[in-house]
Every structure is written in structure tokens, then in C-alpha cells.
Amino acid sequence: MAVKVKKHFDVNSICGLLRTFENFVIKTANEIALEETRPQCDWFTQSKYILLLQIGIHNKAFEDQERMRTKESRIKLKETRAELKRVVRKVIWKWQTYIANKC
């Protein structure tokens, strides 16, 4: 024998719970929004000139490779690409160390 159970929800109590929850969310959001945060330099901005110099060297080697298509220009391009990657890794590592030391 199956018994049917009628669930009775009080609409007023549900609306009250929703209002309470809404007020809590608004209050918490306002508290978080009031915290002042300073924008941090990203890793590229912090070492912009070093990176731009290295990118320029790589771009010149790339243009030389496109123009001449010699073995020497290809080797030079590979070397400048590897050096650019090394510089980027070093800059990112320095930036991560700087951020970690601030915490």
C-alpha cells in the first residue's frame, strides 16, 4: 500500500530565505570590493626592454633566413630562437621569484 505524502512549502519562508541569502551575498561582495589591490606588473612588462631587444635580434635573423636561405642564416635563426626562449624562461623565473618573495 503506497502512501502519498504531500509536501507543503511555505512560500513566505522560501522568499525570506532567498532574501537573507541575497543580503549575505551583497554584503560579502561589498566587503571584498572595498579591499584595495594594486595592479602588479606582469613578467613581460617588468622586463620589457630586455625582451624587446631579444625579439628584435630574433626577427632580424628570421628576415635574413627568409631572404638568403643559407645554412649559416638557418643556424643563426636557430641560435637566436633558442636564446630568446632562454631569456623568456629567465625573465619568467625572476618574476615568479619576485612575486613569491612578496607573499
PDB file of N, CA and C in Angstrom:
ATOM      1  N   MET A   1       0.838  -1.158   0.000  1.00  0.00           N
ATOM      2  CA  MET A   1       0.000   0.000   0.000  1.00  0.00           C
ATOM      3  C   MET A   1       0.889   1.229   0.000  1.00  0.00           C
ATOM      4  N   ALA A   2       0.735   2.028  -1.009  1.00  0.00           N
ATOM      5  CA  ALA A   2       1.552   3.225  -1.166  1.00  0.00           C
ATOM      6  C   ALA A   2       0.874   4.393  -0.482  1.00  0.00           C
ATOM      7  N   VAL A   3       1.674   5.122   0.266  1.00  0.00           N
ATOM      8  CA  VAL A   3       1.157   6.287   0.961  1.00  0.00           C
ATOM      9  C   VAL A   3       1.642   7.526   0.232  1.00  0.00           C
ATOM     10  N   LYS A   4       0.749   8.401  -0.102  1.00  0.00           N
ATOM     11  CA  LYS A   4       1.120   9.650  -0.756  1.00  0.00           C
ATOM     12  C   LYS A   4       1.377  10.702   0.306  1.00  0.00           C
ATOM     13  N   VAL A   5       2.529  11.319   0.190  1.00  0.00           N
ATOM     14  CA  VAL A   5       2.876  12.374   1.140  1.00  0.00           C
ATOM     15  C   VAL A   5       2.856  13.688   0.380  1.00  0.00           C
ATOM     16  N   LYS A   6       2.100  14.591   0.855  1.00  0.00           N
ATOM     17  CA  LYS A   6       2.054  15.901   0.230  1.00  0.00           C
ATOM     18  C   LYS A   6       3.098  16.790   0.890  1.00  0.00           C
ATOM     19  N   LYS A   7       3.956  17.338   0.073  1.00  0.00           N
ATOM     20  CA  LYS A   7       4.962  18.258   0.600  1.00  0.00           C
ATOM     21  C   LYS A   7       4.371  19.647   0.582  1.00  0.00           C
ATOM     22  N   HIS A   8       4.481  20.292   1.687  1.00  0.00           N
ATOM     23  CA  HIS A   8       3.921  21.626   1.805  1.00  0.00           C
ATOM     24  C   HIS A   8       5.059  22.611   1.984  1.00  0.00           C
ATOM     25  N   PHE A   9       5.172  23.541   1.057  1.00  0.00           N
ATOM     26  CA  PHE A   9       6.199  24.558   1.159  1.00  0.00           C
ATOM     27  C   PHE A   9       5.536  25.882   1.471  1.00  0.00           C
ATOM     28  N   ASP A  10       6.114  26.545   2.434  1.00  0.00           N
ATOM     29  CA  ASP A  10       5.619  27.873   2.769  1.00  0.00           C
ATOM     30  C   ASP A  10       6.360  28.874   1.878  1.00  0.00           C
ATOM     31  N   VAL A  11       5.634  29.482   0.987  1.00  0.00           N
ATOM     32  CA  VAL A  11       6.228  30.413   0.025  1.00  0.00           C
ATOM     33  C   VAL A  11       6.881  31.583   0.742  1.00  0.00           C
ATOM     34  N   ASN A  12       6.287  32.044   1.808  1.00  0.00           N
ATOM     35  CA  ASN A  12       6.853  33.186   2.534  1.00  0.00           C
ATOM     36  C   ASN A  12       8.205  32.842   3.150  1.00  0.00           C
ATOM     37  N   SER A  13       8.340  31.629   3.677  1.00  0.00           N
ATOM     38  CA  SER A  13       9.621  31.267   4.300  1.00  0.00           C
ATOM     39  C   SER A  13      10.708  31.097   3.230  1.00  0.00           C
ATOM     40  N   ILE A  14      10.325  30.579   2.052  1.00  0.00           N
ATOM     41  CA  ILE A  14      11.309  30.442   0.974  1.00  0.00           C
ATOM     42  C   ILE A  14      11.758  31.821   0.502  1.00  0.00           C
ATOM     43  N   CYS A  15      10.822  32.736   0.355  1.00  0.00           N
ATOM     44  CA  CYS A  15      11.182  34.102  -0.055  1.00  0.00           C
ATOM     45  C   CYS A  15      12.072  34.760   0.994  1.00  0.00           C
ATOM     46  N   GLY A  16      11.786  34.495   2.248  1.00  0.00           N
ATOM     47  CA  GLY A  16      12.617  35.045   3.320  1.00  0.00           C
ATOM     48  C   GLY A  16      14.027  34.492   3.277  1.00  0.00           C
ATOM     49  N   LEU A  17      14.161  33.180   3.008  1.00  0.00           N
ATOM     50  CA  LEU A  17      15.488  32.574   2.894  1.00  0.00           C
ATOM     51  C   LEU A  17      16.248  33.158   1.698  1.00  0.00           C
ATOM     52  N   LEU A  18      15.543  33.340   0.601  1.00  0.00           N
ATOM     53  CA  LEU A  18      16.191  33.929  -0.566  1.00  0.00           C
ATOM     54  C   LEU A  18      16.652  35.355  -0.299  1.00  0.00           C
ATOM     55  N   ARG A  19      15.833  36.124   0.387  1.00  0.00           N
ATOM     56  CA  ARG A  19      16.226  37.499   0.732  1.00  0.00           C
ATOM     57  C   ARG A  19      17.439  37.496   1.656  1.00  0.00           C
ATOM     58  N   THR A  20      17.448  36.606   2.638  1.00  0.00           N
ATOM     59  CA  THR A  20      18.584  36.503   3.563  1.00  0.00           C
ATOM     60  C   THR A  20      19.860  36.147   2.795  1.00  0.00           C
ATOM     61  N   PHE A  21      19.739  35.179   1.887  1.00  0.00           N
ATOM     62  CA  PHE A  21      20.888  34.771   1.092  1.00  0.00           C
ATOM     63  C   PHE A  21      21.362  35.917   0.192  1.00  0.00           C
ATOM     64  N   GLU A  22      20.435  36.600  -0.427  1.00  0.00           N
ATOM     65  CA  GLU A  22      20.769  37.734  -1.286  1.00  0.00           C
ATOM     66  C   GLU A  22      21.491  38.822  -0.503  1.00  0.00           C
ATOM     67  N   ASN A  23      20.990  39.127   0.690  1.00  0.00           N
ATOM     68  CA  ASN A  23      21.643  40.145   1.528  1.00  0.00           C
ATOM     69  C   ASN A  23      23.049  39.721   1.917  1.00  0.00           C
ATOM     70  N   PHE A  24      23.229  38.430   2.219  1.00  0.00           N
ATOM     71  CA  PHE A  24      24.547  37.919   2.573  1.00  0.00           C
ATOM     72  C   PHE A  24      25.513  38.068   1.398  1.00  0.00           C
ATOM     73  N   VAL A  25      25.074  37.713   0.194  1.00  0.00           N
ATOM     74  CA  VAL A  25      25.920  37.808  -0.984  1.00  0.00           C
ATOM     75  C   VAL A  25      26.295  39.267  -1.250  1.00  0.00           C
ATOM     76  N   ILE A  26      25.354  40.161  -1.147  1.00  0.00           N
ATOM     77  CA  ILE A  26      25.620  41.588  -1.384  1.00  0.00           C
ATOM     78  C   ILE A  26      26.599  42.124  -0.354  1.00  0.00           C
ATOM     79  N   LYS A  27      26.395  41.772   0.909  1.00  0.00           N
ATOM     80  CA  LYS A  27      27.282  42.250   1.979  1.00  0.00           C
ATOM     81  C   LYS A  27      28.709  41.742   1.750  1.00  0.00           C
ATOM     82  N   THR A  28      28.846  40.466   1.435  1.00  0.00           N
ATOM     83  CA  THR A  28      30.168  39.881   1.208  1.00  0.00           C
ATOM     84  C   THR A  28      30.840  40.505  -0.014  1.00  0.00           C
ATOM     85  N   ALA A  29      30.078  40.709  -1.083  1.00  0.00           N
ATOM     86  CA  ALA A  29      30.640  41.316  -2.292  1.00  0.00           C
ATOM     87  C   ALA A  29      31.123  42.729  -2.014  1.00  0.00           C
ATOM     88  N   ASN A  30      30.370  43.482  -1.234  1.00  0.00           N
ATOM     89  CA  ASN A  30      30.790  44.847  -0.895  1.00  0.00           C
ATOM     90  C   ASN A  30      32.057  44.850  -0.055  1.00  0.00           C
ATOM     91  N   GLU A  31      32.178  43.908   0.863  1.00  0.00           N
ATOM     92  CA  GLU A  31      33.391  43.829   1.688  1.00  0.00           C
ATOM     93  C   GLU A  31      34.609  43.499   0.828  1.00  0.00           C
ATOM     94  N   ILE A  32      34.440  42.577  -0.097  1.00  0.00           N
ATOM     95  CA  ILE A  32      35.558  42.191  -0.963  1.00  0.00           C
ATOM     96  C   ILE A  32      35.915  43.336  -1.904  1.00  0.00           C
ATOM     97  N   ALA A  33      34.917  44.017  -2.427  1.00  0.00           N
ATOM     98  CA  ALA A  33      35.157  45.112  -3.372  1.00  0.00           C
ATOM     99  C   ALA A  33      35.887  46.271  -2.708  1.00  0.00           C
ATOM    100  N   LEU A  34      35.740  46.432  -1.405  1.00  0.00           N
ATOM    101  CA  LEU A  34      36.387  47.542  -0.713  1.00  0.00           C
ATOM    102  C   LEU A  34      37.881  47.315  -0.504  1.00  0.00           C
ATOM    103  N   GLU A  35      38.336  46.053  -0.608  1.00  0.00           N
ATOM    104  CA  GLU A  35      39.752  45.782  -0.433  1.00  0.00           C
ATOM    105  C   GLU A  35      40.519  46.379  -1.601  1.00  0.00           C
ATOM    106  N   GLU A  36      41.522  47.158  -1.265  1.00  0.00           N
ATOM    107  CA  GLU A  36      42.299  47.838  -2.297  1.00  0.00           C
ATOM    108  C   GLU A  36      43.395  46.916  -2.800  1.00  0.00           C
ATOM    109  N   THR A  37      43.451  46.728  -4.099  1.00  0.00           N
ATOM    110  CA  THR A  37      44.504  45.913  -4.690  1.00  0.00           C
ATOM    111  C   THR A  37      45.268  46.760  -5.696  1.00  0.00           C
ATOM    112  N   ARG A  38      46.579  46.653  -5.622  1.00  0.00           N
ATOM    113  CA  ARG A  38      47.417  47.364  -6.581  1.00  0.00           C
ATOM    114  C   ARG A  38      47.682  46.458  -7.766  1.00  0.00           C
ATOM    115  N   PRO A  39      47.586  46.990  -8.956  1.00  0.00           N
ATOM    116  CA  PRO A  39      47.900  46.154 -10.118  1.00  0.00           C
ATOM    117  C   PRO A  39      49.389  45.824 -10.126  1.00  0.00           C
ATOM    118  N   GLN A  40      49.700  44.588 -10.438  1.00  0.00           N
ATOM    119  CA  GLN A  40      51.089  44.156 -10.477  1.00  0.00           C
ATOM    120  C   GLN A  40      51.559  44.117 -11.921  1.00  0.00           C
ATOM    121  N   CYS A  41      52.842  44.401 -12.097  1.00  0.00           N
ATOM    122  CA  CYS A  41      53.423  44.271 -13.423  1.00  0.00           C
ATOM    123  C   CYS A  41      53.475  42.792 -13.782  1.00  0.00           C
ATOM    124  N   ASP A  42      53.152  42.485 -15.003  1.00  0.00           N
ATOM    125  CA  ASP A  42      53.314  41.115 -15.424  1.00  0.00           C
ATOM    126  C   ASP A  42      54.769  40.896 -15.824  1.00  0.00           C
ATOM    127  N   TRP A  43      55.107  39.678 -16.140  1.00  0.00           N
ATOM    128  CA  TRP A  43      56.503  39.346 -16.397  1.00  0.00           C
ATOM    129  C   TRP A  43      57.042  40.055 -17.633  1.00  0.00           C
ATOM    130  N   PHE A  44      56.201  40.268 -18.645  1.00  0.00           N
ATOM    131  CA  PHE A  44      56.690  40.933 -19.847  1.00  0.00           C
ATOM    132  C   PHE A  44      56.952  42.409 -19.590  1.00  0.00           C
ATOM    133  N   THR A  45      56.018  43.068 -18.913  1.00  0.00           N
ATOM    134  CA  THR A  45      56.166  44.495 -18.651  1.00  0.00           C
ATOM    135  C   THR A  45      57.377  44.763 -17.771  1.00  0.00           C
ATOM    136  N   GLN A  46      57.614  43.878 -16.822  1.00  0.00           N
ATOM    137  CA  GLN A  46      58.718  44.082 -15.894  1.00  0.00           C
ATOM    138  C   GLN A  46      60.077  44.028 -16.601  1.00  0.00           C
ATOM    139  N   SER A  47      60.205  43.225 -17.646  1.00  0.00           N
ATOM    140  CA  SER A  47      61.481  43.097 -18.365  1.00  0.00           C
ATOM    141  C   SER A  47      61.315  43.439 -19.840  1.00  0.00           C
ATOM    142  N   LYS A  48      60.523  44.430 -20.101  1.00  0.00           N
ATOM    143  CA  LYS A  48      60.123  44.797 -21.460  1.00  0.00           C
ATOM    144  C   LYS A  48      61.316  45.054 -22.379  1.00  0.00           C
ATOM    145  N   TYR A  49      62.291  45.823 -21.937  1.00  0.00           N
ATOM    146  CA  TYR A  49      63.382  46.244 -22.813  1.00  0.00           C
ATOM    147  C   TYR A  49      64.305  45.082 -23.168  1.00  0.00           C
ATOM    148  N   ILE A  50      64.582  44.223 -22.216  1.00  0.00           N
ATOM    149  CA  ILE A  50      65.418  43.051 -22.491  1.00  0.00           C
ATOM    150  C   ILE A  50      64.725  42.153 -23.515  1.00  0.00           C
ATOM    151  N   LEU A  51      63.431  41.940 -23.302  1.00  0.00           N
ATOM    152  CA  LEU A  51      62.681  41.075 -24.204  1.00  0.00           C
ATOM    153  C   LEU A  51      62.550  41.678 -25.600  1.00  0.00           C
ATOM    154  N   LEU A  52      62.280  42.977 -25.674  1.00  0.00           N
ATOM    155  CA  LEU A  52      62.147  43.609 -26.983  1.00  0.00           C
ATOM    156  C   LEU A  52      63.458  43.566 -27.763  1.00  0.00           C
ATOM    157  N   LEU A  53      64.575  43.747 -27.063  1.00  0.00           N
ATOM    158  CA  LEU A  53      65.876  43.656 -27.714  1.00  0.00           C
ATOM    159  C   LEU A  53      66.084  42.254 -28.282  1.00  0.00           C
ATOM    160  N   GLN A  54      65.794  41.244 -27.480  1.00  0.00           N
ATOM    161  CA  GLN A  54      65.994  39.866 -27.922  1.00  0.00           C
ATOM    162  C   GLN A  54      65.028  39.500 -29.054  1.00  0.00           C
ATOM    163  N   ILE A  55      63.800  39.989 -28.991  1.00  0.00           N
ATOM    164  CA  ILE A  55      62.828  39.742 -30.059  1.00  0.00           C
ATOM    165  C   ILE A  55      63.297  40.400 -31.357  1.00  0.00           C
ATOM    166  N   GLY A  56      63.860  41.610 -31.244  1.00  0.00           N
ATOM    167  CA  GLY A  56      64.397  42.291 -32.428  1.00  0.00           C
ATOM    168  C   GLY A  56      65.530  41.508 -33.067  1.00  0.00           C
ATOM    169  N   ILE A  57      66.423  40.964 -32.258  1.00  0.00           N
ATOM    170  CA  ILE A  57      67.533  40.150 -32.782  1.00  0.00           C
ATOM    171  C   ILE A  57      66.976  38.920 -33.491  1.00  0.00           C
ATOM    172  N   HIS A  58      66.003  38.278 -32.883  1.00  0.00           N
ATOM    173  CA  HIS A  58      65.391  37.090 -33.495  1.00  0.00           C
ATOM    174  C   HIS A  58      64.695  37.449 -34.807  1.00  0.00           C
ATOM    175  N   ASN A  59      63.960  38.562 -34.818  1.00  0.00           N
ATOM    176  CA  ASN A  59      63.255  38.963 -36.036  1.00  0.00           C
ATOM    177  C   ASN A  59      64.221  39.253 -37.180  1.00  0.00           C
ATOM    178  N   LYS A  60      65.359  39.878 -36.852  1.00  0.00           N
ATOM    179  CA  LYS A  60      66.358  40.155 -37.886  1.00  0.00           C
ATOM    180  C   LYS A  60      66.908  38.845 -38.444  1.00  0.00           C
ATOM    181  N   ALA A  61      67.194  37.892 -37.571  1.00  0.00           N
ATOM    182  CA  ALA A  61      67.690  36.592 -38.034  1.00  0.00           C
ATOM    183  C   ALA A  61      66.638  35.887 -38.893  1.00  0.00           C
ATOM    184  N   PHE A  62      65.379  36.037 -38.538  1.00  0.00           N
ATOM    185  CA  PHE A  62      64.300  35.446 -39.319  1.00  0.00           C
ATOM    186  C   PHE A  62      64.220  36.068 -40.711  1.00  0.00           C
ATOM    187  N   GLU A  63      64.326  37.389 -40.765  1.00  0.00           N
ATOM    188  CA  GLU A  63      64.297  38.082 -42.058  1.00  0.00           C
ATOM    189  C   GLU A  63      65.487  37.672 -42.929  1.00  0.00           C
ATOM    190  N   ASP A  64      66.656  37.544 -42.304  1.00  0.00           N
ATOM    191  CA  ASP A  64      67.844  37.105 -43.041  1.00  0.00           C
ATOM    192  C   ASP A  64      67.632  35.701 -43.599  1.00  0.00           C
ATOM    193  N   GLN A  65      67.053  34.841 -42.820  1.00  0.00           N
ATOM    194  CA  GLN A  65      66.776  33.469 -43.261  1.00  0.00           C
ATOM    195  C   GLN A  65      65.797  33.467 -44.426  1.00  0.00           C
ATOM    196  N   GLU A  66      64.779  34.324 -44.357  1.00  0.00           N
ATOM    197  CA  GLU A  66      63.793  34.397 -45.436  1.00  0.00           C
ATOM    198  C   GLU A  66      64.422  34.930 -46.726  1.00  0.00           C
ATOM    199  N   ARG A  67      65.351  35.872 -46.600  1.00  0.00           N
ATOM    200  CA  ARG A  67      65.980  36.462 -47.773  1.00  0.00           C
ATOM    201  C   ARG A  67      67.035  35.542 -48.391  1.00  0.00           C
ATOM    202  N   MET A  68      67.922  35.012 -47.542  1.00  0.00           N
ATOM    203  CA  MET A  68      69.080  34.308 -48.073  1.00  0.00           C
ATOM    204  C   MET A  68      68.904  32.796 -48.200  1.00  0.00           C
ATOM    205  N   ARG A  69      68.260  32.192 -47.272  1.00  0.00           N
ATOM    206  CA  ARG A  69      68.055  30.739 -47.269  1.00  0.00           C
ATOM    207  C   ARG A  69      69.382  29.968 -47.340  1.00  0.00           C
ATOM    208  N   THR A  70      70.333  30.411 -46.510  1.00  0.00           N
ATOM    209  CA  THR A  70      71.615  29.713 -46.457  1.00  0.00           C
ATOM    210  C   THR A  70      71.682  28.900 -45.168  1.00  0.00           C
ATOM    211  N   LYS A  71      72.650  28.009 -45.132  1.00  0.00           N
ATOM    212  CA  LYS A  71      72.834  27.176 -43.949  1.00  0.00           C
ATOM    213  C   LYS A  71      73.230  28.043 -42.750  1.00  0.00           C
ATOM    214  N   GLU A  72      74.061  29.047 -42.998  1.00  0.00           N
ATOM    215  CA  GLU A  72      74.513  29.927 -41.915  1.00  0.00           C
ATOM    216  C   GLU A  72      73.344  30.731 -41.327  1.00  0.00           C
ATOM    217  N   SER A  73      72.485  31.243 -42.219  1.00  0.00           N
ATOM    218  CA  SER A  73      71.346  32.021 -41.712  1.00  0.00           C
ATOM    219  C   SER A  73      70.374  31.123 -40.954  1.00  0.00           C
ATOM    220  N   ARG A  74      70.254  29.874 -41.391  1.00  0.00           N
ATOM    221  CA  ARG A  74      69.388  28.924 -40.676  1.00  0.00           C
ATOM    222  C   ARG A  74      69.934  28.613 -39.280  1.00  0.00           C
ATOM    223  N   ILE A  75      71.236  28.420 -39.202  1.00  0.00           N
ATOM    224  CA  ILE A  75      71.874  28.160 -37.901  1.00  0.00           C
ATOM    225  C   ILE A  75      71.720  29.372 -36.985  1.00  0.00           C
ATOM    226  N   LYS A  76      71.934  30.567 -37.562  1.00  0.00           N
ATOM    227  CA  LYS A  76      71.786  31.805 -36.777  1.00  0.00           C
ATOM    228  C   LYS A  76      70.356  31.938 -36.248  1.00  0.00           C
ATOM    229  N   LEU A  77      69.368  31.606 -37.083  1.00  0.00           N
ATOM    230  CA  LEU A  77      67.976  31.670 -36.653  1.00  0.00           C
ATOM    231  C   LEU A  77      67.704  30.701 -35.507  1.00  0.00           C
ATOM    232  N   LYS A  78      68.225  29.494 -35.612  1.00  0.00           N
ATOM    233  CA  LYS A  78      68.036  28.506 -34.538  1.00  0.00           C
ATOM    234  C   LYS A  78      68.674  28.986 -33.238  1.00  0.00           C
ATOM    235  N   GLU A  79      69.861  29.586 -33.353  1.00  0.00           N
ATOM    236  CA  GLU A  79      70.550  30.097 -32.159  1.00  0.00           C
ATOM    237  C   GLU A  79      69.772  31.243 -31.525  1.00  0.00           C
ATOM    238  N   THR A  80      69.288  32.176 -32.351  1.00  0.00           N
ATOM    239  CA  THR A  80      68.550  33.314 -31.787  1.00  0.00           C
ATOM    240  C   THR A  80      67.216  32.868 -31.195  1.00  0.00           C
ATOM    241  N   ARG A  81      66.574  31.861 -31.801  1.00  0.00           N
ATOM    242  CA  ARG A  81      65.334  31.339 -31.244  1.00  0.00           C
ATOM    243  C   ARG A  81      65.584  30.688 -29.879  1.00  0.00           C
ATOM    244  N   ALA A  82      66.651  29.911 -29.790  1.00  0.00           N
ATOM    245  CA  ALA A  82      66.994  29.265 -28.521  1.00  0.00           C
ATOM    246  C   ALA A  82      67.334  30.309 -27.454  1.00  0.00           C
ATOM    247  N   GLU A  83      68.087  31.338 -27.860  1.00  0.00           N
ATOM    248  CA  GLU A  83      68.443  32.395 -26.904  1.00  0.00           C
ATOM    249  C   GLU A  83      67.214  33.157 -26.433  1.00  0.00           C
ATOM    250  N   LEU A  84      66.293  33.428 -27.343  1.00  0.00           N
ATOM    251  CA  LEU A  84      65.047  34.106 -26.967  1.00  0.00           C
ATOM    252  C   LEU A  84      64.267  33.259 -25.957  1.00  0.00           C
ATOM    253  N   LYS A  85      64.189  31.968 -26.191  1.00  0.00           N
ATOM    254  CA  LYS A  85      63.484  31.083 -25.251  1.00  0.00           C
ATOM    255  C   LYS A  85      64.164  31.082 -23.883  1.00  0.00           C
ATOM    256  N   ARG A  86      65.502  31.082 -23.880  1.00  0.00           N
ATOM    257  CA  ARG A  86      66.238  31.127 -22.608  1.00  0.00           C
ATOM    258  C   ARG A  86      65.945  32.426 -21.855  1.00  0.00           C
ATOM    259  N   VAL A  87      65.955  33.537 -22.578  1.00  0.00           N
ATOM    260  CA  VAL A  87      65.690  34.836 -21.952  1.00  0.00           C
ATOM    261  C   VAL A  87      64.271  34.870 -21.388  1.00  0.00           C
ATOM    262  N   VAL A  88      63.315  34.369 -22.135  1.00  0.00           N
ATOM    263  CA  VAL A  88      61.924  34.355 -21.650  1.00  0.00           C
ATOM    264  C   VAL A  88      61.812  33.508 -20.385  1.00  0.00           C
ATOM    265  N   ARG A  89      62.426  32.321 -20.390  1.00  0.00           N
ATOM    266  CA  ARG A  89      62.375  31.475 -19.179  1.00  0.00           C
ATOM    267  C   ARG A  89      63.011  32.180 -17.987  1.00  0.00           C
ATOM    268  N   LYS A  90      64.136  32.847 -18.220  1.00  0.00           N
ATOM    269  CA  LYS A  90      64.832  33.546 -17.144  1.00  0.00           C
ATOM    270  C   LYS A  90      63.988  34.690 -16.596  1.00  0.00           C
ATOM    271  N   VAL A  91      63.369  35.458 -17.489  1.00  0.00           N
ATOM    272  CA  VAL A  91      62.537  36.590 -17.071  1.00  0.00           C
ATOM    273  C   VAL A  91      61.331  36.092 -16.273  1.00  0.00           C
ATOM    274  N   ILE A  92      60.690  35.042 -16.752  1.00  0.00           N
ATOM    275  CA  ILE A  92      59.530  34.495 -16.032  1.00  0.00           C
ATOM    276  C   ILE A  92      59.964  33.977 -14.669  1.00  0.00           C
ATOM    277  N   TRP A  93      61.104  33.301 -14.610  1.00  0.00           N
ATOM    278  CA  TRP A  93      61.589  32.780 -13.336  1.00  0.00           C
ATOM    279  C   TRP A  93      61.862  33.926 -12.349  1.00  0.00           C
ATOM    280  N   LYS A  94      62.496  34.998 -12.832  1.00  0.00           N
ATOM    281  CA  LYS A  94      62.762  36.155 -11.962  1.00  0.00           C
ATOM    282  C   LYS A  94      61.464  36.764 -11.448  1.00  0.00           C
ATOM    283  N   TRP A  95      60.483  36.874 -12.334  1.00  0.00           N
ATOM    284  CA  TRP A  95      59.195  37.456 -11.951  1.00  0.00           C
ATOM    285  C   TRP A  95      58.492  36.572 -10.923  1.00  0.00           C
ATOM    286  N   GLN A  96      58.504  35.266 -11.139  1.00  0.00           N
ATOM    287  CA  GLN A  96      57.874  34.349 -10.183  1.00  0.00           C
ATOM    288  C   GLN A  96      58.564  34.415  -8.824  1.00  0.00           C
ATOM    289  N   THR A  97      59.881  34.524  -8.826  1.00  0.00           N
ATOM    290  CA  THR A  97      60.632  34.642  -7.574  1.00  0.00           C
ATOM    291  C   THR A  97      60.266  35.936  -6.863  1.00  0.00           C
ATOM    292  N   TYR A  98      60.159  37.015  -7.615  1.00  0.00           N
ATOM    293  CA  TYR A  98      59.796  38.306  -7.047  1.00  0.00           C
ATOM    294  C   TYR A  98      58.404  38.241  -6.401  1.00  0.00           C
ATOM    295  N   ILE A  99      57.441  37.665  -7.104  1.00  0.00           N
ATOM    296  CA  ILE A  99      56.081  37.545  -6.576  1.00  0.00           C
ATOM    297  C   ILE A  99      56.065  36.643  -5.352  1.00  0.00           C
ATOM    298  N   ALA A 100      56.796  35.529  -5.409  1.00  0.00           N
ATOM    299  CA  ALA A 100      56.826  34.593  -4.270  1.00  0.00           C
ATOM    300  C   ALA A 100      57.437  35.243  -3.038  1.00  0.00           C
ATOM    301  N   ASN A 101      58.442  36.073  -3.221  1.00  0.00           N
ATOM    302  CA  ASN A 101      59.073  36.739  -2.083  1.00  0.00           C
ATOM    303  C   ASN A 101      58.189  37.804  -1.472  1.00  0.00           C
ATOM    304  N   LYS A 102      57.275  38.367  -2.278  1.00  0.00           N
ATOM    305  CA  LYS A 102      56.346  39.364  -1.748  1.00  0.00           C
ATOM    306  C   LYS A 102      55.295  38.741  -0.840  1.00  0.00           C
ATOM    307  N   CYS A 103      54.982  37.488  -1.073  1.00  0.00           N
ATOM    308  CA  CYS A 103      53.906  36.826  -0.303  1.00  0.00           C
ATOM    309  C   CYS A 103      54.365  36.427   1.088  1.00  0.00           C
TER     310      CYS A 103
END
